[in-house]
């Protein structure tokens, strides 16, 4: 009957759908996740998912376009059986958004950027340290004292009620010992990992991300040559107005792929679904990232202080100071968050601690002409 069909589609359900952490990305309708049987938000449709990721990760739309189809295949139940839902190698200079991509995907799918399993490969540079991932076999010293990092419960815990897709990040994979890369061969080929106690971990409902800075030096030389006629090559007006670099995306991809083949064996590379090369950020993209982080600071003030919250009025001189201090062509936007913390958040905290900011006040932020720091002036509310 029509009533029965309506109840099956969930149209007669009076319960409100779950919402994302930010109202900006909230959606009022849901769609059916045929694979897991969970109600997911309309935001998981391909167009909306792509737009949400590109708004969070500035300047890397091409990377999002390669990742989103694998999420959609999993949600549709069409992902290949017996292997992970997707395996990605993210390349590029530091500070371009590789790790941020995984955090943004976790935020969109699960509502929090913390819903992912992160492995810092810098901690596994020695062969024996790989035992921390899978645990020591029974009978070995410390077998019971060193539980494995990659267990089925931890992998399942990285998912959520909204989406059963887990995200696993192997950060800076080039630093890992060869035994770790060999260990990942079976995971990426058969979606299974054998632990030290002979139990297995299933990675079929998992997206695996590997990040690396290999080839970053070659990419930087391609974009900003140190000598030769390329230095004098004019930048087209369209690229200049966008604040970006004039470079060939195909050539950057080839440079990244060549660096991967030099570093990793063929059996490792052949089990990767997509090798994605991140582009260095231009001036316009760095400005957009600054806007994001300043907006995040204002939301943080409203959330943490509540009725004691105040407003920020950030002058253009202060924005220029933060960009000049916190960004560079070599490190991208990596230092920007730390610069905002030292130059703006900490002085604000000192004013609050000394009762220098009343609730509802406006703090005007500008850059001093003689000093290399920001100047904060408080406009107290009218009594």
Protein backbone atom coordinates (compact mmCIF):
# COMPACT_ATOMS: atom_id res chain seq x y z
CA UNK A 1 0.00 0.00 0.00
CA UNK A 2 1.00 3.63 -0.29
CA UNK A 3 1.25 3.92 3.50
CA UNK A 4 3.48 0.84 3.65
CA UNK A 5 5.70 2.20 0.85
CA UNK A 6 5.95 5.52 2.64
CA UNK A 7 7.03 3.87 5.87
CA UNK A 8 9.62 1.77 4.01
CA UNK A 9 11.16 4.89 2.52
CA UNK A 10 11.25 6.56 5.93
CA UNK A 11 9.05 9.43 4.75
CA UNK A 12 6.60 8.86 7.58
CA UNK A 13 9.26 8.78 10.26
CA UNK A 14 8.90 11.81 12.50
CA UNK A 15 12.40 11.50 13.92
CA UNK A 16 14.76 14.28 12.92
CA UNK A 17 17.79 13.24 10.82
CA UNK A 18 21.23 13.44 12.35
CA UNK A 19 23.01 16.69 11.58
CA UNK A 20 26.58 17.60 10.93
CA UNK A 21 28.59 19.54 13.50
CA UNK A 22 28.35 22.74 11.43
CA UNK A 23 24.94 24.10 10.42
CA UNK A 24 26.55 25.27 7.20
CA UNK A 25 26.75 21.71 5.99
CA UNK A 26 23.55 20.43 7.59
CA UNK A 27 20.86 18.73 5.50
CA UNK A 28 17.21 18.08 6.22
CA UNK A 29 16.76 14.94 4.07
CA UNK A 30 18.24 11.48 4.16
CA UNK A 31 18.93 8.72 1.68
CA UNK A 32 19.12 4.97 2.16
CA UNK A 33 22.54 3.39 2.52
CA UNK A 34 21.75 0.08 0.82
CA UNK A 35 24.95 -1.57 1.98
CA UNK A 36 24.80 -0.91 5.72
CA UNK A 37 21.13 -0.17 6.18
CA UNK A 38 21.94 3.18 7.83
CA UNK A 39 20.18 6.46 7.13
CA UNK A 40 22.77 8.83 5.69
CA UNK A 41 22.33 12.50 5.02
CA UNK A 42 21.62 13.90 1.60
CA UNK A 43 25.07 15.49 1.90
CA UNK A 44 26.59 12.12 0.98
CA UNK A 45 25.38 12.46 -2.60
CA UNK A 46 28.30 12.85 -4.94
CA UNK A 47 27.79 16.53 -5.76
CA UNK A 48 27.31 17.58 -2.16
CA UNK A 49 30.14 15.39 -0.82
CA UNK A 50 32.50 16.82 -3.42
CA UNK A 51 31.50 20.41 -2.65
CA UNK A 52 31.93 19.87 1.08
CA UNK A 53 35.40 18.40 0.66
CA UNK A 54 36.58 21.10 -1.74
CA UNK A 55 35.34 23.81 0.64
CA UNK A 56 37.34 22.26 3.48
CA UNK A 57 40.49 21.41 1.53
CA UNK A 58 41.39 24.52 -0.45
CA UNK A 59 43.09 24.31 -3.84
CA UNK A 60 42.98 20.53 -4.29
CA UNK A 61 39.69 19.91 -6.09
CA UNK A 62 41.35 17.39 -8.43
CA UNK A 63 42.22 15.21 -5.43
CA UNK A 64 38.66 15.26 -4.10
CA UNK A 65 37.34 14.29 -7.52
CA UNK A 66 39.44 11.12 -7.43
CA UNK A 67 38.46 10.12 -3.88
CA UNK A 68 34.70 10.72 -3.94
CA UNK A 69 33.83 7.94 -6.49
CA UNK A 70 35.28 5.30 -4.17
CA UNK A 71 33.09 6.53 -1.31
CA UNK A 72 30.07 6.41 -3.61
CA UNK A 73 30.89 2.87 -4.76
CA UNK A 74 30.97 1.71 -1.15
CA UNK A 75 27.70 3.43 -0.27
CA UNK A 76 26.04 1.89 -3.34
CA UNK A 77 27.30 -1.59 -2.45
CA UNK A 78 29.37 -1.85 -5.65
CA UNK A 79 32.85 -1.83 -4.09
CA UNK A 80 34.97 -4.88 -5.06
CA UNK A 81 34.80 -7.75 -2.60
CA UNK A 82 37.86 -9.04 -0.85
CA UNK A 83 39.82 -5.79 -0.90
CA UNK A 84 39.66 -2.34 0.74
CA UNK A 85 37.10 0.15 -0.53
CA UNK A 86 39.99 2.30 -1.77
CA UNK A 87 43.75 2.77 -1.40
CA UNK A 88 45.25 6.20 -2.10
CA UNK A 89 48.79 7.55 -2.11
CA UNK A 90 48.78 11.31 -1.54
CA UNK A 91 51.95 13.07 -2.73
CA UNK A 92 53.11 16.65 -2.67
CA UNK A 93 54.96 19.32 -0.71
CA UNK A 94 54.29 19.77 2.99
CA UNK A 95 51.45 22.07 3.99
CA UNK A 96 49.29 21.44 0.91
CA UNK A 97 46.42 19.56 2.58
CA UNK A 98 47.23 15.85 2.34
CA UNK A 99 46.48 14.99 5.97
CA UNK A 100 43.71 17.58 6.04
CA UNK A 101 41.97 15.66 3.24
CA UNK A 102 41.52 12.58 5.43
CA UNK A 103 40.40 14.69 8.39
CA UNK A 104 37.87 16.53 6.21
CA UNK A 105 36.50 13.24 4.87
CA UNK A 106 36.12 11.94 8.44
CA UNK A 107 34.29 15.15 9.37
CA UNK A 108 31.87 14.83 6.47
CA UNK A 109 31.21 11.09 6.83
CA UNK A 110 31.24 10.76 10.61
CA UNK A 111 30.76 14.26 11.98
CA UNK A 112 34.23 14.56 13.52
CA UNK A 113 37.73 14.77 12.08
CA UNK A 114 38.88 12.50 14.92
CA UNK A 115 36.98 9.53 13.52
CA UNK A 116 39.98 7.99 11.81
CA UNK A 117 42.78 5.59 12.68
CA UNK A 118 46.13 7.35 12.27
CA UNK A 119 49.51 5.60 12.06
CA UNK A 120 52.60 7.84 12.19
CA UNK A 121 55.08 5.91 10.09
CA UNK A 122 57.93 7.90 11.61
CA UNK A 123 57.46 5.70 14.69
CA UNK A 124 58.11 2.53 12.67
CA UNK A 125 61.47 3.20 11.06
CA UNK A 126 63.11 0.13 12.62
CA UNK A 127 62.15 -3.39 11.61
CA UNK A 128 61.30 -4.57 15.13
CA UNK A 129 58.96 -1.63 15.74
CA UNK A 130 56.41 -3.07 13.29
CA UNK A 131 55.41 -5.49 16.05
CA UNK A 132 53.64 -2.55 17.71
CA UNK A 133 51.14 -2.57 14.84
CA UNK A 134 50.22 -6.26 14.86
CA UNK A 135 51.40 -7.35 18.31
CA UNK A 136 54.09 -9.86 19.23
CA UNK A 137 53.34 -13.57 18.67
CA UNK A 138 52.52 -15.72 21.74
CA UNK A 139 55.65 -16.82 23.57
CA UNK A 140 57.63 -13.68 22.74
CA UNK A 141 58.71 -11.32 25.50
CA UNK A 142 56.11 -8.60 26.05
CA UNK A 143 53.35 -10.44 24.19
CA UNK A 144 50.65 -9.46 26.68
CA UNK A 145 52.08 -6.03 27.47
CA UNK A 146 52.03 -4.69 23.89
CA UNK A 147 48.52 -4.86 22.41
CA UNK A 148 48.43 -4.29 18.62
CA UNK A 149 47.47 -0.88 17.24
CA UNK A 150 45.49 -2.30 14.32
CA UNK A 151 42.68 -4.43 15.74
CA UNK A 152 39.18 -5.13 14.48
CA UNK A 153 37.62 -3.26 17.40
CA UNK A 154 39.74 -0.15 16.76
CA UNK A 155 38.97 -0.28 13.05
CA UNK A 156 35.25 -0.59 13.72
CA UNK A 157 35.48 2.18 16.31
CA UNK A 158 36.75 4.55 13.60
CA UNK A 159 33.36 4.25 11.85
CA UNK A 160 30.08 5.68 13.12
CA UNK A 161 26.33 5.14 13.04
CA UNK A 162 26.12 7.54 10.12
CA UNK A 163 28.57 5.61 7.93
CA UNK A 164 30.24 2.21 8.34
CA UNK A 165 33.26 3.23 6.27
CA UNK A 166 36.46 3.39 8.34
CA UNK A 167 39.38 5.67 7.44
CA UNK A 168 42.98 4.59 8.07
CA UNK A 169 45.85 7.04 7.56
CA UNK A 170 49.49 5.97 7.24
CA UNK A 171 51.24 9.33 7.54
CA UNK A 172 54.66 9.80 5.85
CA UNK A 173 54.83 6.25 4.52
CA UNK A 174 58.32 6.84 3.08
CA UNK A 175 59.72 6.82 6.63
CA UNK A 176 58.41 3.35 7.45
CA UNK A 177 60.63 0.29 7.60
CA UNK A 178 60.44 -2.05 4.57
CA UNK A 179 58.70 -4.65 6.73
CA UNK A 180 55.75 -2.27 7.18
CA UNK A 181 55.30 -1.78 3.44
CA UNK A 182 55.46 -5.56 2.99
CA UNK A 183 52.84 -5.94 5.70
CA UNK A 184 50.53 -3.59 3.80
CA UNK A 185 50.72 -5.70 0.63
CA UNK A 186 48.34 -8.29 2.05
CA UNK A 187 46.03 -5.62 3.45
CA UNK A 188 45.67 -3.87 0.10
CA UNK A 189 45.45 -7.09 -1.89
CA UNK A 190 43.08 -9.21 0.24
CA UNK A 191 41.76 -6.69 2.78
CA UNK A 192 43.07 -8.86 5.62
CA UNK A 193 45.76 -8.37 8.24
CA UNK A 194 47.03 -11.26 10.37
CA UNK A 195 47.88 -10.19 13.90
CA UNK A 196 50.49 -11.69 16.18
CA UNK A 197 47.89 -13.74 18.07
CA UNK A 198 46.75 -15.29 14.76
CA UNK A 199 43.49 -13.34 14.56
CA UNK A 200 42.54 -11.42 11.42
CA UNK A 201 41.43 -7.85 10.81
CA UNK A 202 39.03 -7.22 7.92
CA UNK A 203 39.69 -4.05 5.89
CA UNK A 204 36.89 -4.43 3.32
CA UNK A 205 34.94 -1.45 4.68
CA UNK A 206 38.00 0.77 4.87
CA UNK A 207 39.58 3.59 2.89
CA UNK A 208 43.37 3.49 3.27
CA UNK A 209 45.37 6.69 2.78
CA UNK A 210 49.15 6.85 2.51
CA UNK A 211 50.79 10.29 2.57
CA UNK A 212 54.32 11.07 1.45
CA UNK A 213 56.58 14.01 0.64
CA UNK A 214 58.65 12.08 -1.91
CA UNK A 215 59.14 14.05 -5.11
CA UNK A 216 58.37 17.34 -3.33
CA UNK A 217 61.77 18.81 -4.22
CA UNK A 218 61.35 17.96 -7.90
CA UNK A 219 57.84 19.44 -7.88
CA UNK A 220 59.12 22.65 -6.36
CA UNK A 221 61.87 22.94 -8.97
CA UNK A 222 59.32 22.43 -11.73
CA UNK A 223 57.09 25.21 -10.41
CA UNK A 224 59.80 27.63 -9.27
CA UNK A 225 63.02 26.96 -11.21
CA UNK A 226 66.23 28.42 -9.81
CA UNK A 227 67.79 29.26 -13.14
CA UNK A 228 67.22 29.21 -16.88
CA UNK A 229 64.58 30.75 -19.11
CA UNK A 230 61.73 29.28 -17.04
CA UNK A 231 62.48 31.85 -14.34
CA UNK A 232 61.67 34.65 -16.77
CA UNK A 233 58.53 32.97 -18.13
CA UNK A 234 55.57 35.33 -17.63
CA UNK A 235 52.54 34.07 -15.74
CA UNK A 236 49.28 34.32 -17.73
CA UNK A 237 46.84 36.88 -16.41
CA UNK A 238 44.19 34.25 -15.53
CA UNK A 239 46.58 32.35 -13.31
CA UNK A 240 47.95 35.53 -11.81
CA UNK A 241 44.52 36.86 -10.96
CA UNK A 242 43.66 33.58 -9.25
CA UNK A 243 46.78 33.81 -7.16
CA UNK A 244 47.98 30.40 -8.35
CA UNK A 245 50.96 28.91 -10.13
CA UNK A 246 51.35 28.46 -13.87
CA UNK A 247 52.22 24.81 -14.27
CA UNK A 248 51.11 21.71 -16.11
CA UNK A 249 49.07 19.36 -13.93
CA UNK A 250 49.98 16.41 -16.14
CA UNK A 251 53.68 17.10 -15.76
CA UNK A 252 53.40 17.33 -11.98
CA UNK A 253 51.58 13.99 -11.94
CA UNK A 254 54.34 12.40 -14.00
CA UNK A 255 57.01 13.79 -11.66
CA UNK A 256 55.15 12.34 -8.68
CA UNK A 257 54.62 8.96 -10.33
CA UNK A 258 58.32 8.73 -11.24
CA UNK A 259 59.31 9.48 -7.62
CA UNK A 260 56.97 6.74 -6.39
CA UNK A 261 58.46 4.17 -8.77
CA UNK A 262 61.96 5.05 -7.58
CA UNK A 263 61.03 4.69 -3.92
CA UNK A 264 58.67 1.71 -3.81
CA UNK A 265 58.76 -1.71 -5.51
CA UNK A 266 56.32 -2.49 -8.37
CA UNK A 267 54.19 -4.85 -6.26
CA UNK A 268 53.59 -1.99 -3.81
CA UNK A 269 52.68 0.57 -6.48
CA UNK A 270 50.39 -1.81 -8.40
CA UNK A 271 48.12 -2.25 -5.37
CA UNK A 272 47.35 1.48 -5.12
CA UNK A 273 44.06 2.62 -6.61
CA UNK A 274 45.09 6.24 -7.15
CA UNK A 275 48.33 8.20 -6.84
CA UNK A 276 47.28 11.82 -6.28
CA UNK A 277 49.76 14.68 -6.55
CA UNK A 278 48.86 17.77 -4.53
CA UNK A 279 49.60 21.17 -6.05
CA UNK A 280 51.53 23.87 -4.18
CA UNK A 281 49.20 26.56 -2.88
CA UNK A 282 49.01 29.97 -4.51
CA UNK A 283 48.46 33.32 -2.82
CA UNK A 284 44.70 33.28 -3.30
CA UNK A 285 44.41 29.80 -1.82
CA UNK A 286 46.48 30.78 1.22
CA UNK A 287 44.11 33.72 1.79
CA UNK A 288 41.15 31.33 1.69
CA UNK A 289 42.82 29.05 4.24
CA UNK A 290 43.46 32.04 6.51
CA UNK A 291 39.77 32.95 6.28
CA UNK A 292 38.84 29.39 7.28
CA UNK A 293 41.12 29.36 10.30
CA UNK A 294 40.06 32.80 11.52
CA UNK A 295 36.41 31.75 11.20
CA UNK A 296 37.25 28.58 13.16
CA UNK A 297 38.80 30.72 15.91
CA UNK A 298 35.65 32.84 16.17
CA UNK A 299 33.48 29.70 16.40
CA UNK A 300 35.82 28.37 19.07
CA UNK A 301 35.42 31.57 21.10
CA UNK A 302 31.63 31.42 20.85
CA UNK A 303 31.53 27.75 21.80
CA UNK A 304 33.97 27.82 24.71
CA UNK A 305 33.03 31.17 26.28
CA UNK A 306 29.28 31.06 25.76
CA UNK A 307 27.70 34.13 27.36
CA UNK A 308 31.18 35.59 27.93
CA UNK A 309 31.99 35.53 24.21
CA UNK A 310 33.19 38.58 22.27
CA UNK A 311 33.67 39.54 18.62
CA UNK A 312 36.81 39.96 16.54
CA UNK A 313 37.41 42.73 14.02
CA UNK A 314 40.53 41.76 12.11
CA UNK A 315 42.02 44.50 9.95
CA UNK A 316 43.61 43.87 6.58
CA UNK A 317 47.03 44.72 8.03
CA UNK A 318 46.64 41.94 10.59
CA UNK A 319 45.66 39.46 7.89
CA UNK A 320 48.69 40.45 5.84
CA UNK A 321 50.91 39.98 8.89
CA UNK A 322 49.52 36.49 9.57
CA UNK A 323 49.96 35.46 5.95
CA UNK A 324 53.53 36.76 5.78
CA UNK A 325 54.47 35.10 9.06
CA UNK A 326 52.58 31.82 8.78
CA UNK A 327 52.86 30.84 5.11
CA UNK A 328 55.66 30.24 2.62
CA UNK A 329 56.23 28.66 -0.76
CA UNK A 330 58.29 25.90 0.88
CA UNK A 331 56.01 24.94 3.78
CA UNK A 332 52.65 26.05 2.44
CA UNK A 333 50.07 26.73 5.14
CA UNK A 334 51.52 24.32 7.71
CA UNK A 335 52.69 27.06 10.08
CA UNK A 336 49.58 29.23 9.75
CA UNK A 337 47.60 27.61 12.55
CA UNK A 338 50.57 27.85 14.91
CA UNK A 339 51.12 31.50 13.94
CA UNK A 340 47.50 32.34 14.72
CA UNK A 341 47.87 30.57 18.06
CA UNK A 342 50.98 32.52 19.07
CA UNK A 343 50.12 35.91 17.60
CA UNK A 344 46.37 36.10 18.24
CA UNK A 345 44.93 33.36 20.48
CA UNK A 346 47.52 33.68 23.25
CA UNK A 347 47.24 37.51 23.52
CA UNK A 348 43.45 37.13 23.62
CA UNK A 349 43.80 34.57 26.42
CA UNK A 350 46.01 36.98 28.38
CA UNK A 351 43.38 39.73 28.09
CA UNK A 352 40.65 37.35 29.23
CA UNK A 353 42.76 36.18 32.20
CA UNK A 354 43.25 39.80 33.29
CA UNK A 355 39.55 40.59 32.90
CA UNK A 356 40.37 42.91 30.03
CA UNK A 357 37.52 41.77 27.76
CA UNK A 358 33.92 42.08 28.87
CA UNK A 359 31.14 39.91 27.39
CA UNK A 360 29.90 41.35 24.12
CA UNK A 361 33.02 43.44 23.53
CA UNK A 362 34.69 43.90 20.15
CA UNK A 363 38.43 43.27 19.87
CA UNK A 364 40.02 45.20 17.01
CA UNK A 365 43.13 43.46 15.67
CA UNK A 366 45.71 45.28 13.56
CA UNK A 367 49.42 45.08 12.80
CA UNK A 368 51.82 47.43 14.54
CA UNK A 369 54.06 49.51 12.29
CA UNK A 370 57.16 49.42 14.48
CA UNK A 371 56.72 46.03 16.17
CA UNK A 372 56.52 42.58 14.62
CA UNK A 373 53.34 41.62 16.43
CA UNK A 374 49.62 42.23 16.35
CA UNK A 375 48.00 45.08 18.24
CA UNK A 376 44.75 44.34 20.09
CA UNK A 377 42.39 47.14 21.09
CA UNK A 378 39.27 46.31 23.09
CA UNK A 379 36.03 48.20 22.53
CA UNK A 380 33.95 47.43 25.59
CA UNK A 381 30.15 47.23 25.21
CA UNK A 382 28.00 50.14 26.31
CA UNK A 383 26.82 49.79 29.86
